[in-house]
Amino acid sequence: MMQSDFWIRVTPISGEDSFADVSPKIRELVEKFGSAKRRAESYAWRALLARELGADVEVEYNEVGAPILVNREGYIGVSHCNSRVALIYSRHT
């Protein structure tokens, strides 16, 4: 796990089966998405997040739909294009 105050990670969006390291709770949430592309994007950034901050990291969404960390200090942002997903983290605002 990385313990830096700020980082950016970018990864290719692969097939859904390549993200076996996400928790069963996350898998259940992501499987509700109707689009296979949206599921793969979500698996990609959540797998990155789990690798960097730990498998038990929890994410909810604020009133405007932005992801927020529940059980970790800091802030995240997610972006994606057709073939890659980016995850940014900052411990401070």
C-alpha atoms as a PDB file:
ATOM      1  CA  MET A   1       0.000   0.000   0.000  1.00  0.00           C
ATOM      2  CA  MET A   2       1.221   3.463  -0.899  1.00  0.00           C
ATOM      3  CA  GLN A   3       1.251   5.974   1.960  1.00  0.00           C
ATOM      4  CA  SER A   4       1.911   9.175  -0.008  1.00  0.00           C
ATOM      5  CA  ASP A   5       0.016  12.456   0.378  1.00  0.00           C
ATOM      6  CA  PHE A   6      -0.737  12.640  -3.354  1.00  0.00           C
ATOM      7  CA  TRP A   7      -0.659  10.279  -6.313  1.00  0.00           C
ATOM      8  CA  ILE A   8      -2.142   9.601  -9.736  1.00  0.00           C
ATOM      9  CA  ARG A   9      -2.494   6.125 -11.233  1.00  0.00           C
ATOM     10  CA  VAL A  10      -3.572   5.217 -14.761  1.00  0.00           C
ATOM     11  CA  THR A  11      -4.398   1.703 -15.895  1.00  0.00           C
ATOM     12  CA  PRO A  12      -5.880   0.055 -18.975  1.00  0.00           C
ATOM     13  CA  ILE A  13      -9.511  -0.947 -18.785  1.00  0.00           C
ATOM     14  CA  SER A  14      -9.519  -4.708 -19.175  1.00  0.00           C
ATOM     15  CA  GLY A  15     -12.246  -7.307 -19.126  1.00  0.00           C
ATOM     16  CA  GLU A  16     -14.318  -7.550 -15.963  1.00  0.00           C
ATOM     17  CA  ASP A  17     -12.809 -10.917 -15.023  1.00  0.00           C
ATOM     18  CA  SER A  18      -9.340  -9.403 -14.621  1.00  0.00           C
ATOM     19  CA  PHE A  19     -10.373  -7.562 -11.451  1.00  0.00           C
ATOM     20  CA  ALA A  20     -10.738 -10.504  -9.126  1.00  0.00           C
ATOM     21  CA  ASP A  21      -9.017  -8.555  -6.330  1.00  0.00           C
ATOM     22  CA  VAL A  22     -12.060  -6.375  -5.638  1.00  0.00           C
ATOM     23  CA  SER A  23     -14.116  -7.387  -2.637  1.00  0.00           C
ATOM     24  CA  PRO A  24     -17.376  -9.353  -2.940  1.00  0.00           C
ATOM     25  CA  LYS A  25     -19.216  -6.241  -1.670  1.00  0.00           C
ATOM     26  CA  ILE A  26     -17.784  -4.136  -4.509  1.00  0.00           C
ATOM     27  CA  ARG A  27     -18.446  -6.887  -7.046  1.00  0.00           C
ATOM     28  CA  GLU A  28     -22.110  -6.970  -5.967  1.00  0.00           C
ATOM     29  CA  LEU A  29     -22.401  -3.182  -6.350  1.00  0.00           C
ATOM     30  CA  VAL A  30     -20.659  -3.039  -9.729  1.00  0.00           C
ATOM     31  CA  GLU A  31     -22.617  -5.949 -11.177  1.00  0.00           C
ATOM     32  CA  LYS A  32     -25.768  -3.791 -10.915  1.00  0.00           C
ATOM     33  CA  PHE A  33     -24.461  -1.517 -13.684  1.00  0.00           C
ATOM     34  CA  GLY A  34     -26.281  -2.335 -16.917  1.00  0.00           C
ATOM     35  CA  SER A  35     -23.359  -1.643 -19.224  1.00  0.00           C
ATOM     36  CA  ALA A  36     -20.383  -4.018 -19.470  1.00  0.00           C
ATOM     37  CA  LYS A  37     -18.185  -1.004 -20.315  1.00  0.00           C
ATOM     38  CA  ARG A  38     -19.275   0.831 -17.163  1.00  0.00           C
ATOM     39  CA  ARG A  39     -18.656  -2.288 -15.068  1.00  0.00           C
ATOM     40  CA  ALA A  40     -15.137  -2.661 -16.484  1.00  0.00           C
ATOM     41  CA  GLU A  41     -14.363   1.028 -15.811  1.00  0.00           C
ATOM     42  CA  SER A  42     -15.596   0.723 -12.242  1.00  0.00           C
ATOM     43  CA  TYR A  43     -13.652  -2.476 -11.619  1.00  0.00           C
ATOM     44  CA  ALA A  44     -10.489  -0.843 -12.973  1.00  0.00           C
ATOM     45  CA  TRP A  45     -10.499   2.200 -10.694  1.00  0.00           C
ATOM     46  CA  ARG A  46     -11.733   0.264  -7.666  1.00  0.00           C
ATOM     47  CA  ALA A  47      -8.954  -2.311  -8.130  1.00  0.00           C
ATOM     48  CA  LEU A  48      -6.412   0.523  -8.276  1.00  0.00           C
ATOM     49  CA  LEU A  49      -7.891   2.034  -5.130  1.00  0.00           C
ATOM     50  CA  ALA A  50      -7.793  -1.291  -3.291  1.00  0.00           C
ATOM     51  CA  ARG A  51      -4.158  -1.848  -4.276  1.00  0.00           C
ATOM     52  CA  GLU A  52      -3.131   1.616  -3.085  1.00  0.00           C
ATOM     53  CA  LEU A  53      -5.269   2.081   0.051  1.00  0.00           C
ATOM     54  CA  GLY A  54      -6.166  -1.478   1.051  1.00  0.00           C
ATOM     55  CA  ALA A  55      -8.805  -4.025   0.130  1.00  0.00           C
ATOM     56  CA  ASP A  56     -11.181  -2.793   2.839  1.00  0.00           C
ATOM     57  CA  VAL A  57     -11.394   0.790   1.516  1.00  0.00           C
ATOM     58  CA  GLU A  58     -15.012   1.965   1.231  1.00  0.00           C
ATOM     59  CA  VAL A  59     -16.431   4.486  -1.231  1.00  0.00           C
ATOM     60  CA  GLU A  60     -19.779   6.258  -1.241  1.00  0.00           C
ATOM     61  CA  TYR A  61     -21.045   9.085  -3.413  1.00  0.00           C
ATOM     62  CA  ASN A  62     -21.845  12.634  -2.353  1.00  0.00           C
ATOM     63  CA  GLU A  63     -24.913  14.640  -3.364  1.00  0.00           C
ATOM     64  CA  VAL A  64     -23.465  15.481  -6.794  1.00  0.00           C
ATOM     65  CA  GLY A  65     -22.338  11.923  -7.505  1.00  0.00           C
ATOM     66  CA  ALA A  66     -18.626  12.310  -6.760  1.00  0.00           C
ATOM     67  CA  PRO A  67     -16.903   9.375  -5.025  1.00  0.00           C
ATOM     68  CA  ILE A  68     -15.845   9.962  -1.423  1.00  0.00           C
ATOM     69  CA  LEU A  69     -13.741   7.820   0.881  1.00  0.00           C
ATOM     70  CA  VAL A  70     -15.682   6.543   3.883  1.00  0.00           C
ATOM     71  CA  ASN A  71     -13.091   4.780   6.011  1.00  0.00           C
ATOM     72  CA  ARG A  72      -9.901   6.498   4.850  1.00  0.00           C
ATOM     73  CA  GLU A  73      -8.498   9.990   5.143  1.00  0.00           C
ATOM     74  CA  GLY A  74      -8.296  11.877   1.856  1.00  0.00           C
ATOM     75  CA  TYR A  75     -10.063  12.581  -1.397  1.00  0.00           C
ATOM     76  CA  ILE A  76     -10.271  10.795  -4.744  1.00  0.00           C
ATOM     77  CA  GLY A  77     -11.182  11.658  -8.303  1.00  0.00           C
ATOM     78  CA  VAL A  78     -11.863   9.272 -11.170  1.00  0.00           C
ATOM     79  CA  SER A  79     -11.667   9.836 -14.914  1.00  0.00           C
ATOM     80  CA  HIS A  80     -11.772   7.497 -17.899  1.00  0.00           C
ATOM     81  CA  CYS A  81     -11.643   7.351 -21.654  1.00  0.00           C
ATOM     82  CA  ASN A  82     -12.267   4.440 -24.030  1.00  0.00           C
ATOM     83  CA  SER A  83      -9.305   2.336 -22.945  1.00  0.00           C
ATOM     84  CA  ARG A  84      -7.916   3.741 -19.682  1.00  0.00           C
ATOM     85  CA  VAL A  85      -9.016   4.849 -16.248  1.00  0.00           C
ATOM     86  CA  ALA A  86      -7.245   7.392 -14.027  1.00  0.00           C
ATOM     87  CA  LEU A  87      -7.491   7.619 -10.266  1.00  0.00           C
ATOM     88  CA  ILE A  88      -6.152  10.590  -8.317  1.00  0.00           C
ATOM     89  CA  TYR A  89      -5.743  10.719  -4.545  1.00  0.00           C
ATOM     90  CA  SER A  90      -4.911  13.530  -2.169  1.00  0.00           C
ATOM     91  CA  ARG A  91      -4.690  13.276   1.593  1.00  0.00           C
ATOM     92  CA  HIS A  92      -5.509  17.010   1.835  1.00  0.00           C
ATOM     93  CA  THR A  93      -7.991  19.299   0.073  1.00  0.00           C
END
